[in-house]
Amino acid sequence: MVPVLLVLLLALLLFGAGFAIKVLWWIAIAVLVVWLLGFLLRSTTASGRRSRWYRW
């Protein structure tokens, strides 16, 4: 009985980790797209220099 519970617990742990990693990949892709759009679509200032779209 104990080995079956351990296998089920391991399967549940691996399923949860796989789901979390997949979600993190989608979040990373979304952040990359937003960053690229901000980089490409940033506005120009009056002096002709391009300004940053972020505040760092």
PDB file of N, CA and C in Angstrom:
ATOM      1  N   MET A   1       0.817  -1.203   0.000  1.00  0.00           N
ATOM      2  CA  MET A   1       0.000   0.000   0.000  1.00  0.00           C
ATOM      3  C   MET A   1       0.861   1.269   0.000  1.00  0.00           C
ATOM      4  N   VAL A   2       1.933   1.269   0.761  1.00  0.00           N
ATOM      5  CA  VAL A   2       2.807   2.435   0.843  1.00  0.00           C
ATOM      6  C   VAL A   2       3.491   2.721  -0.500  1.00  0.00           C
ATOM      7  N   PRO A   3       4.013   1.706  -1.223  1.00  0.00           N
ATOM      8  CA  PRO A   3       4.621   2.010  -2.523  1.00  0.00           C
ATOM      9  C   PRO A   3       3.634   2.612  -3.518  1.00  0.00           C
ATOM     10  N   VAL A   4       2.391   2.162  -3.484  1.00  0.00           N
ATOM     11  CA  VAL A   4       1.384   2.722  -4.387  1.00  0.00           C
ATOM     12  C   VAL A   4       1.145   4.191  -4.054  1.00  0.00           C
ATOM     13  N   LEU A   5       1.058   4.512  -2.780  1.00  0.00           N
ATOM     14  CA  LEU A   5       0.875   5.907  -2.367  1.00  0.00           C
ATOM     15  C   LEU A   5       2.074   6.761  -2.762  1.00  0.00           C
ATOM     16  N   LEU A   6       3.279   6.216  -2.634  1.00  0.00           N
ATOM     17  CA  LEU A   6       4.469   6.960  -3.029  1.00  0.00           C
ATOM     18  C   LEU A   6       4.488   7.217  -4.537  1.00  0.00           C
ATOM     19  N   VAL A   7       4.100   6.222  -5.324  1.00  0.00           N
ATOM     20  CA  VAL A   7       4.056   6.398  -6.773  1.00  0.00           C
ATOM     21  C   VAL A   7       3.008   7.442  -7.148  1.00  0.00           C
ATOM     22  N   LEU A   8       1.834   7.371  -6.512  1.00  0.00           N
ATOM     23  CA  LEU A   8       0.785   8.362  -6.779  1.00  0.00           C
ATOM     24  C   LEU A   8       1.234   9.763  -6.374  1.00  0.00           C
ATOM     25  N   LEU A   9       1.917   9.883  -5.248  1.00  0.00           N
ATOM     26  CA  LEU A   9       2.423  11.176  -4.799  1.00  0.00           C
ATOM     27  C   LEU A   9       3.480  11.708  -5.770  1.00  0.00           C
ATOM     28  N   LEU A  10       4.353  10.831  -6.250  1.00  0.00           N
ATOM     29  CA  LEU A  10       5.373  11.240  -7.217  1.00  0.00           C
ATOM     30  C   LEU A  10       4.731  11.683  -8.532  1.00  0.00           C
ATOM     31  N   ALA A  11       3.718  10.947  -8.981  1.00  0.00           N
ATOM     32  CA  ALA A  11       3.023  11.324 -10.211  1.00  0.00           C
ATOM     33  C   ALA A  11       2.342  12.676 -10.047  1.00  0.00           C
ATOM     34  N   LEU A  12       1.713  12.904  -8.906  1.00  0.00           N
ATOM     35  CA  LEU A  12       1.060  14.185  -8.647  1.00  0.00           C
ATOM     36  C   LEU A  12       2.078  15.321  -8.601  1.00  0.00           C
ATOM     37  N   LEU A  13       3.214  15.078  -7.983  1.00  0.00           N
ATOM     38  CA  LEU A  13       4.267  16.088  -7.900  1.00  0.00           C
ATOM     39  C   LEU A  13       4.821  16.417  -9.285  1.00  0.00           C
ATOM     40  N   LEU A  14       5.069  15.400 -10.092  1.00  0.00           N
ATOM     41  CA  LEU A  14       5.601  15.641 -11.431  1.00  0.00           C
ATOM     42  C   LEU A  14       4.572  16.321 -12.323  1.00  0.00           C
ATOM     43  N   PHE A  15       3.299  15.976 -12.180  1.00  0.00           N
ATOM     44  CA  PHE A  15       2.255  16.640 -12.955  1.00  0.00           C
ATOM     45  C   PHE A  15       2.174  18.115 -12.572  1.00  0.00           C
ATOM     46  N   GLY A  16       2.231  18.412 -11.285  1.00  0.00           N
ATOM     47  CA  GLY A  16       2.181  19.804 -10.822  1.00  0.00           C
ATOM     48  C   GLY A  16       3.377  20.598 -11.300  1.00  0.00           C
ATOM     49  N   ALA A  17       4.559  19.984 -11.261  1.00  0.00           N
ATOM     50  CA  ALA A  17       5.761  20.680 -11.720  1.00  0.00           C
ATOM     51  C   ALA A  17       5.695  20.927 -13.222  1.00  0.00           C
ATOM     52  N   GLY A  18       5.221  19.955 -13.966  1.00  0.00           N
ATOM     53  CA  GLY A  18       5.098  20.129 -15.414  1.00  0.00           C
ATOM     54  C   GLY A  18       4.114  21.225 -15.769  1.00  0.00           C
ATOM     55  N   PHE A  19       2.997  21.283 -15.063  1.00  0.00           N
ATOM     56  CA  PHE A  19       2.007  22.330 -15.302  1.00  0.00           C
ATOM     57  C   PHE A  19       2.582  23.700 -14.964  1.00  0.00           C
ATOM     58  N   ALA A  20       3.290  23.799 -13.832  1.00  0.00           N
ATOM     59  CA  ALA A  20       3.874  25.078 -13.426  1.00  0.00           C
ATOM     60  C   ALA A  20       4.928  25.542 -14.423  1.00  0.00           C
ATOM     61  N   ILE A  21       5.737  24.624 -14.909  1.00  0.00           N
ATOM     62  CA  ILE A  21       6.778  24.992 -15.872  1.00  0.00           C
ATOM     63  C   ILE A  21       6.145  25.455 -17.180  1.00  0.00           C
ATOM     64  N   LYS A  22       5.069  24.786 -17.603  1.00  0.00           N
ATOM     65  CA  LYS A  22       4.393  25.192 -18.830  1.00  0.00           C
ATOM     66  C   LYS A  22       3.794  26.589 -18.678  1.00  0.00           C
ATOM     67  N   VAL A  23       3.192  26.866 -17.525  1.00  0.00           N
ATOM     68  CA  VAL A  23       2.620  28.201 -17.274  1.00  0.00           C
ATOM     69  C   VAL A  23       3.728  29.254 -17.263  1.00  0.00           C
ATOM     70  N   LEU A  24       4.861  28.934 -16.650  1.00  0.00           N
ATOM     71  CA  LEU A  24       5.968  29.891 -16.609  1.00  0.00           C
ATOM     72  C   LEU A  24       6.507  30.180 -18.005  1.00  0.00           C
ATOM     73  N   TRP A  25       6.534  29.186 -18.881  1.00  0.00           N
ATOM     74  CA  TRP A  25       6.967  29.416 -20.260  1.00  0.00           C
ATOM     75  C   TRP A  25       6.021  30.379 -20.961  1.00  0.00           C
ATOM     76  N   TRP A  26       4.699  30.209 -20.785  1.00  0.00           N
ATOM     77  CA  TRP A  26       3.733  31.108 -21.421  1.00  0.00           C
ATOM     78  C   TRP A  26       3.871  32.524 -20.879  1.00  0.00           C
ATOM     79  N   ILE A  27       4.117  32.648 -19.568  1.00  0.00           N
ATOM     80  CA  ILE A  27       4.316  33.979 -18.981  1.00  0.00           C
ATOM     81  C   ILE A  27       5.586  34.615 -19.552  1.00  0.00           C
ATOM     82  N   ALA A  28       6.657  33.839 -19.683  1.00  0.00           N
ATOM     83  CA  ALA A  28       7.910  34.360 -20.244  1.00  0.00           C
ATOM     84  C   ALA A  28       7.718  34.811 -21.687  1.00  0.00           C
ATOM     85  N   ILE A  29       6.956  34.065 -22.467  1.00  0.00           N
ATOM     86  CA  ILE A  29       6.702  34.451 -23.858  1.00  0.00           C
ATOM     87  C   ILE A  29       5.886  35.738 -23.910  1.00  0.00           C
ATOM     88  N   ALA A  30       4.881  35.861 -23.035  1.00  0.00           N
ATOM     89  CA  ALA A  30       4.063  37.076 -23.010  1.00  0.00           C
ATOM     90  C   ALA A  30       4.899  38.293 -22.631  1.00  0.00           C
ATOM     91  N   VAL A  31       5.778  38.151 -21.650  1.00  0.00           N
ATOM     92  CA  VAL A  31       6.637  39.263 -21.239  1.00  0.00           C
ATOM     93  C   VAL A  31       7.589  39.640 -22.374  1.00  0.00           C
ATOM     94  N   LEU A  32       8.113  38.658 -23.076  1.00  0.00           N
ATOM     95  CA  LEU A  32       9.006  38.936 -24.194  1.00  0.00           C
ATOM     96  C   LEU A  32       8.279  39.696 -25.299  1.00  0.00           C
ATOM     97  N   VAL A  33       7.047  39.305 -25.596  1.00  0.00           N
ATOM     98  CA  VAL A  33       6.277  39.995 -26.630  1.00  0.00           C
ATOM     99  C   VAL A  33       6.003  41.435 -26.224  1.00  0.00           C
ATOM    100  N   VAL A  34       5.612  41.650 -24.966  1.00  0.00           N
ATOM    101  CA  VAL A  34       5.356  43.018 -24.493  1.00  0.00           C
ATOM    102  C   VAL A  34       6.628  43.849 -24.552  1.00  0.00           C
ATOM    103  N   TRP A  35       7.750  43.260 -24.158  1.00  0.00           N
ATOM    104  CA  TRP A  35       9.015  43.996 -24.203  1.00  0.00           C
ATOM    105  C   TRP A  35       9.387  44.357 -25.633  1.00  0.00           C
ATOM    106  N   LEU A  36       9.234  43.408 -26.556  1.00  0.00           N
ATOM    107  CA  LEU A  36       9.569  43.690 -27.952  1.00  0.00           C
ATOM    108  C   LEU A  36       8.650  44.754 -28.539  1.00  0.00           C
ATOM    109  N   LEU A  37       7.360  44.694 -28.227  1.00  0.00           N
ATOM    110  CA  LEU A  37       6.443  45.716 -28.720  1.00  0.00           C
ATOM    111  C   LEU A  37       6.796  47.091 -28.160  1.00  0.00           C
ATOM    112  N   GLY A  38       7.121  47.150 -26.887  1.00  0.00           N
ATOM    113  CA  GLY A  38       7.527  48.414 -26.289  1.00  0.00           C
ATOM    114  C   GLY A  38       8.819  48.937 -26.876  1.00  0.00           C
ATOM    115  N   PHE A  39       9.733  48.033 -27.184  1.00  0.00           N
ATOM    116  CA  PHE A  39      10.997  48.443 -27.778  1.00  0.00           C
ATOM    117  C   PHE A  39      10.792  48.973 -29.193  1.00  0.00           C
ATOM    118  N   LEU A  40       9.924  48.337 -29.957  1.00  0.00           N
ATOM    119  CA  LEU A  40       9.711  48.733 -31.341  1.00  0.00           C
ATOM    120  C   LEU A  40       8.790  49.940 -31.485  1.00  0.00           C
ATOM    121  N   LEU A  41       7.867  50.109 -30.565  1.00  0.00           N
ATOM    122  CA  LEU A  41       6.858  51.157 -30.696  1.00  0.00           C
ATOM    123  C   LEU A  41       7.075  52.338 -29.757  1.00  0.00           C
ATOM    124  N   ARG A  42       8.271  52.468 -29.231  1.00  0.00           N
ATOM    125  CA  ARG A  42       8.503  53.584 -28.305  1.00  0.00           C
ATOM    126  C   ARG A  42       8.398  54.916 -29.041  1.00  0.00           C
ATOM    127  N   SER A  43       7.973  55.914 -28.331  1.00  0.00           N
ATOM    128  CA  SER A  43       7.738  57.207 -28.980  1.00  0.00           C
ATOM    129  C   SER A  43       9.016  58.019 -29.076  1.00  0.00           C
ATOM    130  N   THR A  44       9.011  58.977 -29.991  1.00  0.00           N
ATOM    131  CA  THR A  44      10.160  59.873 -30.143  1.00  0.00           C
ATOM    132  C   THR A  44       9.885  61.176 -29.406  1.00  0.00           C
ATOM    133  N   THR A  45      10.937  61.798 -28.958  1.00  0.00           N
ATOM    134  CA  THR A  45      10.793  63.074 -28.269  1.00  0.00           C
ATOM    135  C   THR A  45      10.953  64.213 -29.277  1.00  0.00           C
ATOM    136  N   ALA A  46      10.787  65.447 -28.807  1.00  0.00           N
ATOM    137  CA  ALA A  46      10.857  66.623 -29.683  1.00  0.00           C
ATOM    138  C   ALA A  46      12.260  66.822 -30.257  1.00  0.00           C
ATOM    139  N   SER A  47      13.276  66.387 -29.512  1.00  0.00           N
ATOM    140  CA  SER A  47      14.638  66.598 -29.987  1.00  0.00           C
ATOM    141  C   SER A  47      15.073  65.538 -31.000  1.00  0.00           C
ATOM    142  N   GLY A  48      14.211  64.588 -31.270  1.00  0.00           N
ATOM    143  CA  GLY A  48      14.560  63.563 -32.234  1.00  0.00           C
ATOM    144  C   GLY A  48      15.160  62.322 -31.608  1.00  0.00           C
ATOM    145  N   ARG A  49      15.599  62.428 -30.350  1.00  0.00           N
ATOM    146  CA  ARG A  49      16.123  61.247 -29.670  1.00  0.00           C
ATOM    147  C   ARG A  49      14.968  60.362 -29.248  1.00  0.00           C
ATOM    148  N   ARG A  50      15.204  59.090 -29.257  1.00  0.00           N
ATOM    149  CA  ARG A  50      14.159  58.159 -28.854  1.00  0.00           C
ATOM    150  C   ARG A  50      14.182  58.021 -27.337  1.00  0.00           C
ATOM    151  N   SER A  51      13.016  58.036 -26.734  1.00  0.00           N
ATOM    152  CA  SER A  51      12.935  57.908 -25.287  1.00  0.00           C
ATOM    153  C   SER A  51      12.679  56.460 -24.901  1.00  0.00           C
ATOM    154  N   ARG A  52      12.950  56.162 -23.675  1.00  0.00           N
ATOM    155  CA  ARG A  52      12.711  54.820 -23.155  1.00  0.00           C
ATOM    156  C   ARG A  52      11.247  54.706 -22.757  1.00  0.00           C
ATOM    157  N   TRP A  53      10.666  53.523 -22.977  1.00  0.00           N
ATOM    158  CA  TRP A  53       9.284  53.317 -22.598  1.00  0.00           C
ATOM    159  C   TRP A  53       9.172  52.764 -21.191  1.00  0.00           C
ATOM    160  N   TYR A  54      10.322  52.480 -20.565  1.00  0.00           N
ATOM    161  CA  TYR A  54      10.332  52.010 -19.188  1.00  0.00           C
ATOM    162  C   TYR A  54      11.063  53.023 -18.338  1.00  0.00           C
ATOM    163  N   ARG A  55      11.001  52.904 -17.024  1.00  0.00           N
ATOM    164  CA  ARG A  55      11.508  53.946 -16.124  1.00  0.00           C
ATOM    165  C   ARG A  55      12.834  53.604 -15.477  1.00  0.00           C
ATOM    166  N   TRP A  56      13.570  52.605 -15.938  1.00  0.00           N
ATOM    167  CA  TRP A  56      14.814  52.230 -15.277  1.00  0.00           C
ATOM    168  C   TRP A  56      15.867  53.279 -15.482  1.00  0.00           C
TER     169      TRP A  56
END
